[in-house]
Protein backbone atom coordinates (compact mmCIF):
# COMPACT_ATOMS: atom_id res chain seq x y z
CA UNK A 1 0.00 0.00 0.00
CA UNK A 2 1.48 3.33 -1.08
CA UNK A 3 0.39 6.34 1.00
CA UNK A 4 1.00 10.05 0.31
CA UNK A 5 0.04 13.17 2.24
CA UNK A 6 -0.28 16.85 1.40
CA UNK A 7 -1.02 19.84 3.60
CA UNK A 8 -0.87 20.07 7.39
CA UNK A 9 -2.36 17.10 9.23
CA UNK A 10 -5.27 18.01 11.49
CA UNK A 11 -6.23 21.10 9.49
CA UNK A 12 -8.80 21.82 6.78
CA UNK A 13 -7.38 20.97 3.35
CA UNK A 14 -5.14 18.09 4.51
CA UNK A 15 -5.25 15.24 1.96
CA UNK A 16 -4.36 11.62 2.68
CA UNK A 17 -4.10 9.44 -0.46
CA UNK A 18 -3.64 5.71 -0.99
CA UNK A 19 -2.81 3.37 -3.83
CA UNK A 20 -3.19 -0.32 -3.07
CA UNK A 21 -1.17 -3.20 -4.50
CA UNK A 22 -4.39 -5.21 -4.15
CA UNK A 23 -6.84 -4.45 -6.99
CA UNK A 24 -9.78 -4.57 -4.52
CA UNK A 25 -8.15 -1.85 -2.40
CA UNK A 26 -8.10 0.55 -5.34
CA UNK A 27 -6.87 4.12 -5.29
CA UNK A 28 -8.29 7.25 -3.74
CA UNK A 29 -7.89 10.07 -1.25
CA UNK A 30 -9.68 11.83 1.59
CA UNK A 31 -9.61 15.54 2.33
CA UNK A 32 -10.53 17.28 5.58
CA UNK A 33 -13.30 19.74 4.71
CA UNK A 34 -14.43 21.01 8.13
CA UNK A 35 -13.37 20.67 11.77
CA UNK A 36 -15.63 21.32 14.75
CA UNK A 37 -13.08 21.32 17.56
CA UNK A 38 -13.52 18.43 19.98
CA UNK A 39 -16.70 17.20 18.27
CA UNK A 40 -16.51 16.37 14.57
CA UNK A 41 -14.34 16.21 11.45
CA UNK A 42 -15.97 16.22 8.01
CA UNK A 43 -14.12 14.63 5.08
CA UNK A 44 -14.59 14.21 1.38
CA UNK A 45 -13.74 10.70 0.15
CA UNK A 46 -12.66 10.51 -3.48
CA UNK A 47 -12.32 7.07 -5.07
CA UNK A 48 -10.51 6.71 -8.41
CA UNK A 49 -10.12 2.93 -8.76
CA UNK A 50 -11.72 0.39 -9.12
CA UNK A 51 -14.53 2.94 -9.72
CA UNK A 52 -14.87 6.73 -9.51
CA UNK A 53 -16.96 8.22 -6.75
CA UNK A 54 -16.98 11.21 -4.38
CA UNK A 55 -18.79 10.86 -1.06
CA UNK A 56 -19.04 12.84 2.21
CA UNK A 57 -17.66 11.19 5.36
CA UNK A 58 -17.31 12.16 9.02
CA UNK A 59 -15.77 11.28 12.35
CA UNK A 60 -17.32 12.31 15.66
CA UNK A 61 -15.82 12.24 19.15
CA UNK A 62 -17.63 12.05 22.48
CA UNK A 63 -15.97 12.17 25.89
CA UNK A 64 -16.83 9.07 27.92
CA UNK A 65 -14.56 9.68 30.92
CA UNK A 66 -11.42 11.60 31.84
CA UNK A 67 -9.20 9.29 29.78
CA UNK A 68 -11.67 7.74 27.30
CA UNK A 69 -13.22 9.07 24.10
CA UNK A 70 -15.84 7.36 21.96
CA UNK A 71 -15.06 7.75 18.24
CA UNK A 72 -17.66 7.13 15.54
CA UNK A 73 -16.89 7.15 11.85
CA UNK A 74 -19.25 6.91 8.91
CA UNK A 75 -19.99 8.02 5.39
CA UNK A 76 -22.96 8.58 3.13
CA UNK A 77 -22.88 7.04 -0.29
CA UNK A 78 -24.93 6.28 -3.34
CA UNK A 79 -24.38 4.18 -6.40
CA UNK A 80 -25.59 5.25 -9.82
CA UNK A 81 -27.00 3.00 -12.53
CA UNK A 82 -25.67 0.57 -13.78
CA UNK A 83 -23.39 -0.07 -10.76
CA UNK A 84 -26.42 -0.39 -8.46
CA UNK A 85 -27.75 -3.25 -10.62
CA UNK A 86 -24.33 -4.92 -10.75
CA UNK A 87 -24.36 -5.11 -6.93
CA UNK A 88 -26.95 -7.88 -7.30
CA UNK A 89 -24.32 -10.08 -8.90
CA UNK A 90 -21.39 -9.41 -6.56
CA UNK A 91 -20.16 -12.38 -4.57
CA UNK A 92 -20.93 -11.26 -1.03
CA UNK A 93 -20.03 -14.72 0.25
CA UNK A 94 -16.35 -14.07 -0.54
CA UNK A 95 -16.56 -10.75 1.26
CA UNK A 96 -17.01 -10.23 5.01
CA UNK A 97 -20.78 -9.68 4.69
CA UNK A 98 -22.76 -12.43 6.41
CA UNK A 99 -26.12 -10.76 7.14
CA UNK A 100 -28.25 -9.27 4.36
CA UNK A 101 -31.62 -7.59 4.87
CA UNK A 102 -33.29 -6.71 1.59
CA UNK A 103 -36.54 -4.97 0.69
CA UNK A 104 -38.71 -6.05 -2.25
CA UNK A 105 -42.52 -5.88 -2.27
CA UNK A 106 -45.68 -7.80 -1.63
CA UNK A 107 -46.78 -9.16 -4.98
CA UNK A 108 -43.41 -10.79 -5.76
CA UNK A 109 -43.25 -14.54 -6.50
CA UNK A 110 -45.42 -16.55 -4.08
CA UNK A 111 -47.07 -13.40 -2.64
CA UNK A 112 -48.49 -12.39 -6.03
CA UNK A 113 -52.15 -12.06 -4.96
CA UNK A 114 -51.51 -10.50 -1.53
CA UNK A 115 -52.09 -6.97 -2.91
CA UNK A 116 -55.57 -7.74 -4.24
CA UNK A 117 -56.99 -8.35 -7.71
CA UNK A 118 -56.55 -4.80 -9.01
CA UNK A 119 -52.79 -4.87 -8.42
CA UNK A 120 -52.37 -8.55 -9.28
CA UNK A 121 -54.28 -8.47 -12.57
CA UNK A 122 -53.71 -4.90 -13.79
CA UNK A 123 -51.03 -2.79 -12.08
CA UNK A 124 -48.28 -5.44 -11.77
CA UNK A 125 -48.58 -7.10 -15.21
CA UNK A 126 -49.19 -3.89 -17.22
CA UNK A 127 -47.51 -1.04 -15.34
CA UNK A 128 -44.88 -2.50 -13.01
CA UNK A 129 -43.99 -5.64 -14.95
CA UNK A 130 -40.24 -5.01 -15.35
CA UNK A 131 -39.88 -3.70 -11.79
CA UNK A 132 -41.44 -6.86 -10.38
CA UNK A 133 -39.44 -9.04 -12.77
CA UNK A 134 -36.18 -7.47 -11.50
CA UNK A 135 -37.28 -7.87 -7.87
CA UNK A 136 -38.16 -11.51 -8.52
CA UNK A 137 -34.65 -12.16 -9.91
CA UNK A 138 -33.14 -10.29 -6.96
CA UNK A 139 -35.01 -12.50 -4.47
CA UNK A 140 -33.90 -15.71 -6.22
CA UNK A 141 -30.23 -14.61 -6.20
CA UNK A 142 -30.39 -13.84 -2.49
CA UNK A 143 -32.27 -17.04 -1.62
CA UNK A 144 -29.64 -19.14 -3.43
CA UNK A 145 -26.80 -17.52 -1.47
CA UNK A 146 -25.22 -18.83 1.73
CA UNK A 147 -25.86 -15.55 3.56
CA UNK A 148 -28.11 -15.14 6.60
CA UNK A 149 -30.69 -13.23 4.59
CA UNK A 150 -34.09 -11.75 5.33
CA UNK A 151 -36.21 -10.45 2.46
CA UNK A 152 -38.80 -7.92 3.62
CA UNK A 153 -41.93 -7.56 1.46
CA UNK A 154 -43.89 -4.47 2.49
CA UNK A 155 -47.30 -3.55 1.14
CA UNK A 156 -48.03 -0.17 -0.44
CA UNK A 157 -45.73 2.41 1.16
CA UNK A 158 -47.07 5.58 2.78
CA UNK A 159 -45.43 8.62 4.39
CA UNK A 160 -47.27 8.01 7.67
CA UNK A 161 -45.69 8.00 11.12
CA UNK A 162 -44.06 4.99 12.74
CA UNK A 163 -46.76 2.96 14.53
CA UNK A 164 -44.82 -0.19 15.50
CA UNK A 165 -48.04 -2.14 15.04
CA UNK A 166 -48.54 -4.50 12.13
CA UNK A 167 -52.07 -5.49 11.13
CA UNK A 168 -53.51 -7.06 7.99
CA UNK A 169 -54.07 -4.17 5.59
CA UNK A 170 -52.35 -3.46 2.28
CA UNK A 171 -50.39 -0.35 3.33
CA UNK A 172 -47.47 0.44 5.65
CA UNK A 173 -45.47 3.54 6.46
CA UNK A 174 -41.88 3.86 5.30
CA UNK A 175 -40.94 4.60 8.93
CA UNK A 176 -42.36 1.24 10.06
CA UNK A 177 -40.55 -0.61 7.25
CA UNK A 178 -37.25 1.04 8.25
CA UNK A 179 -37.84 0.15 11.92
CA UNK A 180 -38.67 -3.46 11.08
CA UNK A 181 -35.60 -3.86 8.85
CA UNK A 182 -33.23 -2.39 11.44
CA UNK A 183 -34.70 -4.63 14.14
CA UNK A 184 -33.71 -7.66 12.05
CA UNK A 185 -30.03 -6.92 12.63
CA UNK A 186 -30.43 -8.37 16.15
CA UNK A 187 -33.45 -10.63 15.68
CA UNK A 188 -32.98 -14.14 14.28
CA UNK A 189 -36.71 -14.85 13.85
CA UNK A 190 -36.73 -14.20 10.10
CA UNK A 191 -33.28 -15.46 9.03
CA UNK A 192 -33.69 -17.10 5.61
CA UNK A 193 -37.39 -16.15 5.62
CA UNK A 194 -39.54 -13.67 3.70
CA UNK A 195 -41.95 -11.74 5.96
CA UNK A 196 -44.66 -9.64 4.33
CA UNK A 197 -45.35 -6.58 6.49
CA UNK A 198 -48.29 -4.15 6.52
CA UNK A 199 -49.95 -2.02 9.20
């Protein structure tokens, strides 16, 4: 791994760059964009190889005791088409990822008629055909993997508030779907299962 630095470390504008001998490590750099003394550092991550991307990143610090500090680091990212589709075909089993929680939709595969006749006989086959076809392929790829997967199939999404109560209707708020999916990180109830959720 080759590393280079420019600017003054610990100040805005400092750039730390890397170039890996391993093709998976790629090449890129990070630049300090903002410093909130004792609280947060904001970076800009710039990847050049194996793909080009620029994403915001951060590091926060929180005093825990006189001689301990909790450090959190994260970044926000997105992936444009067609890379987002190619992610479906990456071999996660050879990577460190063991747990995968994926969202598709009621109406996919064996839940085809769960959304009612209007959706099952008109909307899905004539309006959302290719979307549902892609989601069907996505589910099959995940189900054939060796990962501890959970595929979440929500009903029609709304912008309602989080209710934390799931009943048999055809709609559910995005907030409830997000809560349910995050809860699966620590819950083994639905490993290698496909829950349909509505509220």
